[in-house]
Amino acid sequence: MPATITLKGIPDAVHEALKASAQTNRRSLNSEAIACLESVLLPRKTTALEHAVKARELRSSLKEGAFQPEDVTRFKRAHRA
């Protein structure tokens, strides 16, 4: 069963941002607060297919020939501890 909580002392700027976000997403203030909490506290796991789609999108956004294989190898080695 869902629990009920009361939040006190919410800064005005946070309250206004939550109200604006709720309006943008066509949700009640309560539903928007729950959505915000869920997005931070219960991050959704992405599937292998979603990762592949994102990688293809990134790859297609790069200029053809922008990186040579030796560049990629050098970049990877430079960021290893």
N, C-alpha and C. Protein backbone atom coordinates (compact mmCIF):
# COMPACT_ATOMS: atom_id res chain seq x y z
N MET A 1 0.84 -1.18 0.00
CA MET A 1 0.00 0.00 0.00
C MET A 1 0.88 1.24 0.00
N PRO A 2 0.58 2.22 -0.85
CA PRO A 2 1.38 3.45 -0.89
C PRO A 2 1.33 4.20 0.44
N ALA A 3 2.45 4.82 0.77
CA ALA A 3 2.55 5.60 1.99
C ALA A 3 2.25 7.07 1.70
N THR A 4 1.94 7.80 2.74
CA THR A 4 1.71 9.23 2.63
C THR A 4 2.77 9.94 3.45
N ILE A 5 3.38 10.98 2.85
CA ILE A 5 4.36 11.79 3.58
C ILE A 5 3.99 13.25 3.42
N THR A 6 4.48 14.05 4.33
CA THR A 6 4.30 15.50 4.27
C THR A 6 5.69 16.12 4.22
N LEU A 7 5.88 17.02 3.28
CA LEU A 7 7.16 17.71 3.17
C LEU A 7 7.01 19.11 3.72
N LYS A 8 7.94 19.52 4.56
CA LYS A 8 7.91 20.86 5.16
C LYS A 8 9.17 21.62 4.79
N GLY A 9 9.04 22.90 4.71
CA GLY A 9 10.21 23.75 4.48
C GLY A 9 10.78 23.66 3.08
N ILE A 10 9.95 23.39 2.09
CA ILE A 10 10.43 23.34 0.71
C ILE A 10 10.77 24.76 0.26
N PRO A 11 11.99 24.98 -0.22
CA PRO A 11 12.37 26.32 -0.68
C PRO A 11 11.43 26.80 -1.79
N ASP A 12 11.17 28.09 -1.81
CA ASP A 12 10.26 28.67 -2.80
C ASP A 12 10.67 28.32 -4.23
N ALA A 13 11.96 28.39 -4.51
CA ALA A 13 12.44 28.12 -5.87
C ALA A 13 12.15 26.67 -6.28
N VAL A 14 12.30 25.74 -5.34
CA VAL A 14 12.03 24.33 -5.62
C VAL A 14 10.53 24.14 -5.84
N HIS A 15 9.72 24.77 -5.01
CA HIS A 15 8.27 24.67 -5.15
C HIS A 15 7.80 25.21 -6.49
N GLU A 16 8.33 26.35 -6.89
CA GLU A 16 7.96 26.95 -8.18
C GLU A 16 8.40 26.07 -9.34
N ALA A 17 9.61 25.52 -9.25
CA ALA A 17 10.10 24.64 -10.31
C ALA A 17 9.24 23.37 -10.41
N LEU A 18 8.83 22.84 -9.26
CA LEU A 18 7.98 21.65 -9.25
C LEU A 18 6.61 21.96 -9.86
N LYS A 19 6.06 23.13 -9.51
CA LYS A 19 4.77 23.53 -10.07
C LYS A 19 4.86 23.68 -11.59
N ALA A 20 5.93 24.32 -12.06
CA ALA A 20 6.10 24.52 -13.49
C ALA A 20 6.27 23.18 -14.21
N SER A 21 7.03 22.30 -13.62
CA SER A 21 7.24 20.98 -14.21
C SER A 21 5.94 20.19 -14.24
N ALA A 22 5.16 20.28 -13.18
CA ALA A 22 3.87 19.59 -13.13
C ALA A 22 2.95 20.10 -14.23
N GLN A 23 2.94 21.41 -14.41
CA GLN A 23 2.09 22.00 -15.44
C GLN A 23 2.55 21.55 -16.84
N THR A 24 3.85 21.57 -17.06
CA THR A 24 4.40 21.15 -18.35
C THR A 24 4.04 19.70 -18.66
N ASN A 25 4.11 18.84 -17.64
CA ASN A 25 3.85 17.42 -17.82
C ASN A 25 2.39 17.03 -17.59
N ARG A 26 1.55 18.06 -17.38
CA ARG A 26 0.12 17.84 -17.16
C ARG A 26 -0.14 16.86 -16.02
N ARG A 27 0.51 17.12 -14.89
CA ARG A 27 0.35 16.30 -13.70
C ARG A 27 -0.01 17.18 -12.52
N SER A 28 -0.54 16.54 -11.51
CA SER A 28 -0.77 17.25 -10.25
C SER A 28 0.60 17.47 -9.59
N LEU A 29 0.63 18.37 -8.64
CA LEU A 29 1.87 18.62 -7.90
C LEU A 29 2.34 17.35 -7.22
N ASN A 30 1.42 16.60 -6.65
CA ASN A 30 1.75 15.35 -5.98
C ASN A 30 2.33 14.34 -6.96
N SER A 31 1.68 14.16 -8.11
CA SER A 31 2.17 13.20 -9.11
C SER A 31 3.53 13.60 -9.65
N GLU A 32 3.76 14.90 -9.81
CA GLU A 32 5.05 15.36 -10.29
C GLU A 32 6.15 15.10 -9.26
N ALA A 33 5.83 15.33 -7.99
CA ALA A 33 6.81 15.06 -6.92
C ALA A 33 7.17 13.58 -6.90
N ILE A 34 6.17 12.72 -7.06
CA ILE A 34 6.43 11.28 -7.08
C ILE A 34 7.29 10.91 -8.29
N ALA A 35 6.97 11.47 -9.46
CA ALA A 35 7.75 11.20 -10.66
C ALA A 35 9.21 11.64 -10.49
N CYS A 36 9.41 12.80 -9.88
CA CYS A 36 10.77 13.30 -9.64
C CYS A 36 11.53 12.38 -8.69
N LEU A 37 10.88 11.98 -7.62
CA LEU A 37 11.51 11.08 -6.65
C LEU A 37 11.85 9.74 -7.30
N GLU A 38 10.92 9.20 -8.07
CA GLU A 38 11.17 7.92 -8.74
C GLU A 38 12.34 8.01 -9.70
N SER A 39 12.43 9.11 -10.44
CA SER A 39 13.51 9.23 -11.42
C SER A 39 14.88 9.29 -10.76
N VAL A 40 14.94 9.79 -9.55
CA VAL A 40 16.22 9.89 -8.85
C VAL A 40 16.50 8.64 -8.02
N LEU A 41 15.50 8.15 -7.34
CA LEU A 41 15.71 7.05 -6.41
C LEU A 41 15.56 5.66 -7.01
N LEU A 42 14.81 5.57 -8.11
CA LEU A 42 14.59 4.28 -8.76
C LEU A 42 14.96 4.37 -10.24
N PRO A 43 16.24 4.60 -10.53
CA PRO A 43 16.62 4.75 -11.93
C PRO A 43 16.29 3.47 -12.70
N ARG A 44 15.75 3.67 -13.86
CA ARG A 44 15.32 2.54 -14.69
C ARG A 44 16.54 1.97 -15.40
N LYS A 45 16.60 0.66 -15.46
CA LYS A 45 17.70 0.00 -16.16
C LYS A 45 17.41 0.00 -17.65
N THR A 46 18.44 0.30 -18.42
CA THR A 46 18.27 0.29 -19.86
C THR A 46 18.62 -1.09 -20.40
N THR A 47 17.96 -1.45 -21.47
CA THR A 47 18.20 -2.75 -22.09
C THR A 47 19.38 -2.66 -23.04
N ALA A 48 19.86 -3.82 -23.46
CA ALA A 48 20.96 -3.87 -24.42
C ALA A 48 20.53 -3.21 -25.73
N LEU A 49 19.29 -3.41 -26.11
CA LEU A 49 18.79 -2.79 -27.35
C LEU A 49 18.81 -1.27 -27.23
N GLU A 50 18.40 -0.72 -26.08
CA GLU A 50 18.42 0.73 -25.88
C GLU A 50 19.85 1.28 -25.95
N HIS A 51 20.80 0.53 -25.38
CA HIS A 51 22.21 0.95 -25.47
C HIS A 51 22.68 0.94 -26.92
N ALA A 52 22.29 -0.09 -27.67
CA ALA A 52 22.70 -0.19 -29.07
C ALA A 52 22.12 0.95 -29.89
N VAL A 53 20.85 1.28 -29.66
CA VAL A 53 20.21 2.38 -30.38
C VAL A 53 20.93 3.70 -30.07
N LYS A 54 21.23 3.91 -28.80
CA LYS A 54 21.93 5.14 -28.42
C LYS A 54 23.31 5.22 -29.05
N ALA A 55 24.02 4.08 -29.10
CA ALA A 55 25.35 4.04 -29.71
C ALA A 55 25.27 4.34 -31.21
N ARG A 56 24.26 3.78 -31.88
CA ARG A 56 24.09 4.04 -33.32
C ARG A 56 23.79 5.52 -33.57
N GLU A 57 22.94 6.11 -32.72
CA GLU A 57 22.62 7.54 -32.87
C GLU A 57 23.87 8.40 -32.71
N LEU A 58 24.67 8.06 -31.70
CA LEU A 58 25.91 8.80 -31.47
C LEU A 58 26.85 8.64 -32.65
N ARG A 59 27.01 7.41 -33.11
CA ARG A 59 27.91 7.13 -34.22
C ARG A 59 27.46 7.89 -35.48
N SER A 60 26.16 7.92 -35.74
CA SER A 60 25.67 8.59 -36.94
C SER A 60 25.81 10.11 -36.85
N SER A 61 25.93 10.63 -35.63
CA SER A 61 26.07 12.08 -35.48
C SER A 61 27.51 12.55 -35.70
N LEU A 62 28.46 11.62 -35.73
CA LEU A 62 29.86 11.98 -35.92
C LEU A 62 30.18 12.17 -37.39
N LYS A 63 31.07 13.09 -37.65
CA LYS A 63 31.50 13.35 -39.03
C LYS A 63 32.30 12.15 -39.53
N GLU A 64 32.01 11.74 -40.75
CA GLU A 64 32.70 10.59 -41.36
C GLU A 64 34.21 10.80 -41.33
N GLY A 65 34.95 9.84 -40.82
CA GLY A 65 36.40 9.89 -40.78
C GLY A 65 36.97 10.83 -39.72
N ALA A 66 36.12 11.28 -38.80
CA ALA A 66 36.58 12.22 -37.77
C ALA A 66 37.61 11.58 -36.85
N PHE A 67 37.46 10.28 -36.61
CA PHE A 67 38.37 9.57 -35.72
C PHE A 67 38.93 8.35 -36.43
N GLN A 68 40.23 8.20 -36.35
CA GLN A 68 40.91 7.03 -36.89
C GLN A 68 41.07 6.01 -35.77
N PRO A 69 41.20 4.72 -36.10
CA PRO A 69 41.33 3.69 -35.05
C PRO A 69 42.45 4.00 -34.05
N GLU A 70 43.56 4.53 -34.55
CA GLU A 70 44.67 4.83 -33.63
C GLU A 70 44.32 5.98 -32.68
N ASP A 71 43.45 6.90 -33.13
CA ASP A 71 42.99 7.98 -32.26
C ASP A 71 42.16 7.41 -31.11
N VAL A 72 41.26 6.50 -31.45
CA VAL A 72 40.40 5.89 -30.44
C VAL A 72 41.25 5.13 -29.41
N THR A 73 42.21 4.38 -29.88
CA THR A 73 43.10 3.64 -28.97
C THR A 73 43.84 4.60 -28.05
N ARG A 74 44.35 5.69 -28.62
CA ARG A 74 45.09 6.67 -27.82
C ARG A 74 44.17 7.31 -26.77
N PHE A 75 42.92 7.65 -27.16
CA PHE A 75 41.96 8.25 -26.23
C PHE A 75 41.66 7.29 -25.07
N LYS A 76 41.45 6.02 -25.40
CA LYS A 76 41.14 5.03 -24.37
C LYS A 76 42.30 4.88 -23.39
N ARG A 77 43.51 4.79 -23.92
CA ARG A 77 44.69 4.60 -23.06
C ARG A 77 44.94 5.83 -22.19
N ALA A 78 44.64 7.00 -22.71
CA ALA A 78 44.89 8.25 -21.97
C ALA A 78 43.99 8.36 -20.75
N HIS A 79 42.83 7.74 -20.77
CA HIS A 79 41.87 7.87 -19.66
C HIS A 79 41.88 6.68 -18.73
N ARG A 80 42.83 5.82 -18.87
CA ARG A 80 42.95 4.68 -17.94
C ARG A 80 43.90 5.06 -16.83
N ALA A 81 43.57 4.62 -15.65
CA ALA A 81 44.41 4.95 -14.49
C ALA A 81 45.62 4.07 -14.41
